[in-house]
Amino acid sequence: MAAERTRSDKGKKGDAFLKDYTSRLTDEHLRFLDMRLKHRLTGDMAEAINFLSSSPDMDKHLSNSKGADEFFDLLDVIQKQVEREARRRHS
């Protein structure tokens, strides 16, 4: 039960971090990430990851991944939060 609570708390902190991170992005950077993470054409992932890792707090967040699967799952979560933020700004 305590392990579940720890994972749940960690997820909530991660969600709050991503919401804060995306809210601080400029419209141009938000569009950039939205396009790169959504379409994932040749070179898009590398560009998106380079952009994300240029922010020290996001770089630290990404480095907490325990492996490749968790890293790419985190990129999917980031992409969904970027989409939500873009919709919020333009609705």
Protein backbone atom coordinates (compact mmCIF):
# COMPACT_ATOMS: atom_id res chain seq x y z
CA MET A 1 0.00 0.00 0.00
CA ALA A 2 2.81 2.42 0.86
CA ALA A 3 4.54 1.58 -2.44
CA GLU A 4 1.31 2.37 -4.34
CA ARG A 5 0.99 5.68 -2.52
CA THR A 6 4.61 6.54 -3.33
CA ARG A 7 4.05 5.80 -7.05
CA SER A 8 0.81 7.77 -6.99
CA ASP A 9 2.47 10.74 -5.27
CA LYS A 10 5.36 10.53 -7.72
CA GLY A 11 2.88 10.53 -10.63
CA LYS A 12 1.08 13.57 -9.22
CA LYS A 13 4.38 15.42 -8.80
CA GLY A 14 5.35 14.48 -12.36
CA ASP A 15 2.00 15.70 -13.70
CA ALA A 16 2.33 18.97 -11.80
CA PHE A 17 5.88 19.40 -13.07
CA LEU A 18 4.83 18.82 -16.69
CA LYS A 19 1.88 21.17 -16.37
CA ASP A 20 4.15 23.87 -14.96
CA TYR A 21 6.83 23.22 -17.60
CA THR A 22 4.43 23.44 -20.53
CA SER A 23 2.73 26.53 -19.13
CA ARG A 24 6.11 28.32 -19.15
CA LEU A 25 6.80 27.53 -22.82
CA THR A 26 6.36 30.23 -25.43
CA ASP A 27 3.74 29.59 -28.09
CA GLU A 28 6.55 29.00 -30.59
CA HIS A 29 8.26 26.40 -28.39
CA LEU A 30 4.94 24.74 -27.59
CA ARG A 31 4.16 24.40 -31.32
CA PHE A 32 7.68 23.09 -31.94
CA LEU A 33 7.32 20.34 -29.33
CA ASP A 34 3.76 19.55 -30.37
CA MET A 35 4.80 18.96 -33.98
CA ARG A 36 8.00 17.04 -33.16
CA LEU A 37 6.49 14.76 -30.53
CA LYS A 38 3.23 14.16 -32.38
CA HIS A 39 4.52 13.37 -35.87
CA ARG A 40 7.94 11.90 -35.04
CA LEU A 41 9.33 12.19 -38.52
CA THR A 42 13.03 11.68 -39.27
CA GLY A 43 15.04 13.72 -36.81
CA ASP A 44 11.99 15.00 -34.90
CA MET A 45 12.64 12.97 -31.77
CA ALA A 46 16.28 14.05 -31.59
CA GLU A 47 15.29 17.70 -32.00
CA ALA A 48 12.55 17.42 -29.38
CA ILE A 49 14.82 15.64 -26.89
CA ASN A 50 17.60 18.19 -27.44
CA PHE A 51 15.13 21.01 -26.84
CA LEU A 52 13.68 19.36 -23.72
CA SER A 53 17.11 18.62 -22.27
CA SER A 54 18.18 22.25 -22.71
CA SER A 55 16.02 23.02 -19.67
CA PRO A 56 17.88 21.88 -16.54
CA ASP A 57 14.71 20.90 -14.66
CA MET A 58 13.34 18.94 -17.63
CA ASP A 59 16.73 17.30 -18.22
CA LYS A 60 16.70 16.13 -14.59
CA HIS A 61 13.10 14.90 -14.99
CA LEU A 62 14.03 12.93 -18.13
CA SER A 63 17.13 11.46 -16.50
CA ASN A 64 14.98 9.88 -13.79
CA SER A 65 13.82 7.29 -16.36
CA LYS A 66 14.98 3.82 -15.42
CA GLY A 67 15.41 2.63 -19.00
CA ALA A 68 14.51 3.17 -22.63
CA ASP A 69 10.90 2.01 -22.26
CA GLU A 70 10.28 4.37 -19.35
CA PHE A 71 12.04 7.21 -21.20
CA PHE A 72 9.84 6.85 -24.29
CA ASP A 73 6.74 6.43 -22.12
CA LEU A 74 7.67 9.74 -20.48
CA LEU A 75 7.97 11.36 -23.92
CA ASP A 76 4.43 10.15 -24.66
CA VAL A 77 3.21 11.73 -21.41
CA ILE A 78 5.01 14.98 -22.27
CA GLN A 79 3.45 14.97 -25.74
CA LYS A 80 -0.05 14.60 -24.24
CA GLN A 81 0.60 17.47 -21.81
CA VAL A 82 1.90 19.65 -24.66
CA GLU A 83 -1.32 18.92 -26.58
CA ARG A 84 -3.46 19.81 -23.54
CA GLU A 85 -1.57 23.08 -23.03
CA ALA A 86 -1.88 24.00 -26.72
CA ARG A 87 -5.65 23.34 -26.60
CA ARG A 88 -5.99 25.36 -23.40
CA ARG A 89 -4.20 28.34 -24.91
CA HIS A 90 -6.13 28.30 -28.16
CA SER A 91 -9.65 27.51 -27.02
